[in-house]
Amino acid sequence: MKKMNNKGFSMVELIIVIAIMAILAGALAPTLIKYVNKSRMSSDVSNAQTIAGAVQTAYSDTSSYDSVGMISSGTMYTVPQLMSNFSNFSSNFSTTLGAAVSVKYTKKTSDNKTPDQFGVKITTTGGNVEVKVYANTAGDIELYPTVHSDYDK
């Protein structure tokens, strides 16, 4: 009798392995997506803190005092507007901030708002500077100094 030298896997074995891998992928995908979204939210909060720090640093530099007067207290600005429209303030802000940052987490929040780009509201009262950073330009998803409930999970 001749001995058959079978090498490899049968079709049934391959189908079983593929089915097991599909089940595992289906079970792990929702968890992975949740962690990716949580990471994006954390990145947005961190970027908001960085933006607020860059604004405060730019305000503290005496060379930007003339430009500071052009910024309307309580007006919502986007990061690109602050990086380009206010002369010395913009250069100090851009230097501190580095590359332009954008919102990473774009899923609609519980109040049905979609984050688009960071909004920055600077309020000055009697020499004090208060900076609030939002995940959208509507100003209803605050990330700094108080984190919106949809991001604080």
C-alpha atoms as a PDB file:
ATOM      1  CA  MET A   1       0.000   0.000   0.000  1.00  0.00           C
ATOM      2  CA  LYS A   2       1.175   3.441  -0.858  1.00  0.00           C
ATOM      3  CA  LYS A   3       1.206   6.029   1.872  1.00  0.00           C
ATOM      4  CA  MET A   4      -0.462   9.315   0.861  1.00  0.00           C
ATOM      5  CA  ASN A   5       1.467  12.374   1.847  1.00  0.00           C
ATOM      6  CA  ASN A   6      -1.312  14.898   2.576  1.00  0.00           C
ATOM      7  CA  LYS A   7      -0.030  18.330   3.424  1.00  0.00           C
ATOM      8  CA  GLY A   8      -2.151  21.358   4.263  1.00  0.00           C
ATOM      9  CA  PHE A   9      -5.583  21.941   5.663  1.00  0.00           C
ATOM     10  CA  SER A  10      -8.893  20.658   4.438  1.00  0.00           C
ATOM     11  CA  MET A  11     -11.596  23.059   3.257  1.00  0.00           C
ATOM     12  CA  VAL A  12     -13.697  22.337   6.357  1.00  0.00           C
ATOM     13  CA  GLU A  13     -10.823  23.224   8.685  1.00  0.00           C
ATOM     14  CA  LEU A  14     -10.236  26.523   6.867  1.00  0.00           C
ATOM     15  CA  ILE A  15     -13.939  27.448   6.998  1.00  0.00           C
ATOM     16  CA  ILE A  16     -14.060  26.720  10.746  1.00  0.00           C
ATOM     17  CA  VAL A  17     -11.017  28.926  11.402  1.00  0.00           C
ATOM     18  CA  ILE A  18     -12.462  31.771   9.312  1.00  0.00           C
ATOM     19  CA  ALA A  19     -15.798  31.489  11.157  1.00  0.00           C
ATOM     20  CA  ILE A  20     -14.059  31.670  14.550  1.00  0.00           C
ATOM     21  CA  MET A  21     -12.085  34.741  13.428  1.00  0.00           C
ATOM     22  CA  ALA A  22     -15.291  36.436  12.212  1.00  0.00           C
ATOM     23  CA  ILE A  23     -16.989  35.802  15.557  1.00  0.00           C
ATOM     24  CA  LEU A  24     -14.023  37.230  17.464  1.00  0.00           C
ATOM     25  CA  ALA A  25     -13.848  40.300  15.190  1.00  0.00           C
ATOM     26  CA  GLY A  26     -17.578  40.892  15.603  1.00  0.00           C
ATOM     27  CA  ALA A  27     -17.285  40.687  19.385  1.00  0.00           C
ATOM     28  CA  LEU A  28     -14.238  42.955  19.645  1.00  0.00           C
ATOM     29  CA  ALA A  29     -15.159  45.658  17.108  1.00  0.00           C
ATOM     30  CA  PRO A  30     -17.654  47.585  19.332  1.00  0.00           C
ATOM     31  CA  THR A  31     -15.158  47.672  22.182  1.00  0.00           C
ATOM     32  CA  LEU A  32     -12.401  48.894  19.890  1.00  0.00           C
ATOM     33  CA  ILE A  33     -14.634  51.638  18.464  1.00  0.00           C
ATOM     34  CA  LYS A  34     -15.532  52.763  21.978  1.00  0.00           C
ATOM     35  CA  TYR A  35     -11.857  53.067  22.924  1.00  0.00           C
ATOM     36  CA  VAL A  36     -11.017  54.963  19.732  1.00  0.00           C
ATOM     37  CA  ASN A  37     -13.816  57.475  20.430  1.00  0.00           C
ATOM     38  CA  LYS A  38     -12.722  57.845  24.047  1.00  0.00           C
ATOM     39  CA  SER A  39      -9.185  58.529  22.849  1.00  0.00           C
ATOM     40  CA  ARG A  40     -10.450  61.195  20.423  1.00  0.00           C
ATOM     41  CA  MET A  41     -12.456  62.892  23.185  1.00  0.00           C
ATOM     42  CA  SER A  42      -9.424  62.864  25.462  1.00  0.00           C
ATOM     43  CA  SER A  43      -7.327  64.362  22.670  1.00  0.00           C
ATOM     44  CA  ASP A  44      -9.874  67.161  22.189  1.00  0.00           C
ATOM     45  CA  VAL A  45      -9.860  68.028  25.894  1.00  0.00           C
ATOM     46  CA  SER A  46      -6.054  68.034  25.910  1.00  0.00           C
ATOM     47  CA  ASN A  47      -5.948  70.242  22.798  1.00  0.00           C
ATOM     48  CA  ALA A  48      -8.441  72.636  24.424  1.00  0.00           C
ATOM     49  CA  GLN A  49      -6.127  72.973  27.424  1.00  0.00           C
ATOM     50  CA  THR A  50      -3.203  73.623  25.082  1.00  0.00           C
ATOM     51  CA  ILE A  51      -5.174  76.295  23.208  1.00  0.00           C
ATOM     52  CA  ALA A  52      -6.141  78.022  26.470  1.00  0.00           C
ATOM     53  CA  GLY A  53      -2.521  77.953  27.597  1.00  0.00           C
ATOM     54  CA  ALA A  54      -1.390  79.444  24.284  1.00  0.00           C
ATOM     55  CA  VAL A  55      -3.929  82.272  24.609  1.00  0.00           C
ATOM     56  CA  GLN A  56      -2.813  83.034  28.152  1.00  0.00           C
ATOM     57  CA  THR A  57       0.842  82.967  27.117  1.00  0.00           C
ATOM     58  CA  ALA A  58       0.152  85.312  24.195  1.00  0.00           C
ATOM     59  CA  TYR A  59      -1.705  87.689  26.524  1.00  0.00           C
ATOM     60  CA  SER A  60       1.201  87.749  28.942  1.00  0.00           C
ATOM     61  CA  ASP A  61       3.702  88.864  26.287  1.00  0.00           C
ATOM     62  CA  THR A  62       4.086  92.649  26.252  1.00  0.00           C
ATOM     63  CA  SER A  63       4.787  92.718  22.507  1.00  0.00           C
ATOM     64  CA  SER A  64       1.218  91.605  21.810  1.00  0.00           C
ATOM     65  CA  TYR A  65      -0.532  94.305  23.883  1.00  0.00           C
ATOM     66  CA  ASP A  66      -1.396  96.398  20.814  1.00  0.00           C
ATOM     67  CA  SER A  67      -2.945  93.390  19.072  1.00  0.00           C
ATOM     68  CA  VAL A  68      -4.894  92.383  22.162  1.00  0.00           C
ATOM     69  CA  GLY A  69      -6.985  95.540  21.826  1.00  0.00           C
ATOM     70  CA  MET A  70      -8.272  94.302  18.461  1.00  0.00           C
ATOM     71  CA  ILE A  71      -9.732  91.158  20.069  1.00  0.00           C
ATOM     72  CA  SER A  72     -13.333  91.779  21.101  1.00  0.00           C
ATOM     73  CA  SER A  73     -14.035  90.535  24.604  1.00  0.00           C
ATOM     74  CA  GLY A  74     -16.652  87.777  24.636  1.00  0.00           C
ATOM     75  CA  THR A  75     -16.523  87.124  20.881  1.00  0.00           C
ATOM     76  CA  MET A  76     -16.136  83.548  19.616  1.00  0.00           C
ATOM     77  CA  TYR A  77     -13.036  83.007  17.480  1.00  0.00           C
ATOM     78  CA  THR A  78     -11.762  79.918  15.737  1.00  0.00           C
ATOM     79  CA  VAL A  79      -8.166  78.815  16.185  1.00  0.00           C
ATOM     80  CA  PRO A  80      -7.239  79.781  12.581  1.00  0.00           C
ATOM     81  CA  GLN A  81      -8.657  83.284  13.178  1.00  0.00           C
ATOM     82  CA  LEU A  82      -6.521  83.705  16.292  1.00  0.00           C
ATOM     83  CA  MET A  83      -3.494  82.350  14.440  1.00  0.00           C
ATOM     84  CA  SER A  84      -3.722  84.851  11.600  1.00  0.00           C
ATOM     85  CA  ASN A  85      -5.757  87.983  12.333  1.00  0.00           C
ATOM     86  CA  PHE A  86      -4.197  89.784  15.272  1.00  0.00           C
ATOM     87  CA  SER A  87      -0.590  90.681  14.415  1.00  0.00           C
ATOM     88  CA  ASN A  88       1.784  90.152  17.383  1.00  0.00           C
ATOM     89  CA  PHE A  89      -0.853  88.276  19.390  1.00  0.00           C
ATOM     90  CA  SER A  90      -1.236  85.846  16.486  1.00  0.00           C
ATOM     91  CA  SER A  91       2.474  85.256  16.173  1.00  0.00           C
ATOM     92  CA  ASN A  92       2.841  84.634  19.928  1.00  0.00           C
ATOM     93  CA  PHE A  93      -0.249  82.393  19.909  1.00  0.00           C
ATOM     94  CA  SER A  94       0.968  80.433  16.858  1.00  0.00           C
ATOM     95  CA  THR A  95       4.446  80.010  18.309  1.00  0.00           C
ATOM     96  CA  THR A  96       3.082  78.657  21.576  1.00  0.00           C
ATOM     97  CA  LEU A  97       0.409  76.485  20.001  1.00  0.00           C
ATOM     98  CA  GLY A  98       2.501  75.082  17.180  1.00  0.00           C
ATOM     99  CA  ALA A  99       0.591  73.341  14.408  1.00  0.00           C
ATOM    100  CA  ALA A 100      -3.105  74.031  13.995  1.00  0.00           C
ATOM    101  CA  VAL A 101      -5.257  71.637  15.961  1.00  0.00           C
ATOM    102  CA  SER A 102      -8.631  70.313  14.907  1.00  0.00           C
ATOM    103  CA  VAL A 103     -11.479  68.550  16.651  1.00  0.00           C
ATOM    104  CA  LYS A 104     -11.008  64.772  16.527  1.00  0.00           C
ATOM    105  CA  TYR A 105     -14.288  63.504  17.991  1.00  0.00           C
ATOM    106  CA  THR A 106     -17.063  64.366  15.549  1.00  0.00           C
ATOM    107  CA  LYS A 107     -19.992  62.184  16.632  1.00  0.00           C
ATOM    108  CA  LYS A 108     -23.139  64.129  17.505  1.00  0.00           C
ATOM    109  CA  THR A 109     -23.421  64.695  21.229  1.00  0.00           C
ATOM    110  CA  SER A 110     -26.530  64.080  23.327  1.00  0.00           C
ATOM    111  CA  ASP A 111     -27.848  67.576  22.552  1.00  0.00           C
ATOM    112  CA  ASN A 112     -27.558  66.763  18.812  1.00  0.00           C
ATOM    113  CA  LYS A 113     -24.625  69.110  18.140  1.00  0.00           C
ATOM    114  CA  THR A 114     -21.729  68.039  15.966  1.00  0.00           C
ATOM    115  CA  PRO A 115     -18.276  69.357  16.932  1.00  0.00           C
ATOM    116  CA  ASP A 116     -16.630  71.102  13.991  1.00  0.00           C
ATOM    117  CA  GLN A 117     -13.661  73.220  14.993  1.00  0.00           C
ATOM    118  CA  PHE A 118     -12.492  74.669  18.244  1.00  0.00           C
ATOM    119  CA  GLY A 119     -14.150  77.900  19.267  1.00  0.00           C
ATOM    120  CA  VAL A 120     -12.258  80.194  21.635  1.00  0.00           C
ATOM    121  CA  LYS A 121     -13.990  82.863  23.698  1.00  0.00           C
ATOM    122  CA  ILE A 122     -11.725  85.344  25.466  1.00  0.00           C
ATOM    123  CA  THR A 123     -13.301  87.588  28.078  1.00  0.00           C
ATOM    124  CA  THR A 124     -11.313  90.406  29.639  1.00  0.00           C
ATOM    125  CA  THR A 125     -12.517  92.241  32.703  1.00  0.00           C
ATOM    126  CA  GLY A 126     -10.346  94.685  34.584  1.00  0.00           C
ATOM    127  CA  GLY A 127      -7.042  93.113  33.623  1.00  0.00           C
ATOM    128  CA  ASN A 128      -8.229  89.543  34.155  1.00  0.00           C
ATOM    129  CA  VAL A 129      -8.357  87.226  31.166  1.00  0.00           C
ATOM    130  CA  GLU A 130     -10.813  84.339  31.102  1.00  0.00           C
ATOM    131  CA  VAL A 131     -10.460  81.797  28.309  1.00  0.00           C
ATOM    132  CA  LYS A 132     -13.118  79.263  27.358  1.00  0.00           C
ATOM    133  CA  VAL A 133     -12.542  76.703  24.635  1.00  0.00           C
ATOM    134  CA  TYR A 134     -15.405  74.916  22.890  1.00  0.00           C
ATOM    135  CA  ALA A 135     -15.557  71.909  20.556  1.00  0.00           C
ATOM    136  CA  ASN A 136     -17.686  73.890  18.135  1.00  0.00           C
ATOM    137  CA  THR A 137     -18.206  77.468  17.082  1.00  0.00           C
ATOM    138  CA  ALA A 138     -21.745  77.550  18.473  1.00  0.00           C
ATOM    139  CA  GLY A 139     -20.207  77.625  21.948  1.00  0.00           C
ATOM    140  CA  ASP A 140     -22.319  74.916  23.528  1.00  0.00           C
ATOM    141  CA  ILE A 141     -19.818  72.056  23.915  1.00  0.00           C
ATOM    142  CA  GLU A 142     -17.341  73.485  26.407  1.00  0.00           C
ATOM    143  CA  LEU A 143     -14.021  71.686  26.811  1.00  0.00           C
ATOM    144  CA  TYR A 144     -12.082  74.170  28.924  1.00  0.00           C
ATOM    145  CA  PRO A 145     -12.218  75.038  31.826  1.00  0.00           C
ATOM    146  CA  THR A 146     -15.317  72.854  32.362  1.00  0.00           C
ATOM    147  CA  VAL A 147     -15.647  69.694  30.282  1.00  0.00           C
ATOM    148  CA  HIS A 148     -19.019  69.071  28.601  1.00  0.00           C
ATOM    149  CA  SER A 149     -20.880  66.034  29.976  1.00  0.00           C
ATOM    150  CA  ASP A 150     -20.632  64.127  26.663  1.00  0.00           C
ATOM    151  CA  TYR A 151     -16.848  64.403  26.796  1.00  0.00           C
ATOM    152  CA  ASP A 152     -16.525  63.705  30.501  1.00  0.00           C
ATOM    153  CA  LYS A 153     -17.044  59.950  30.418  1.00  0.00           C
END
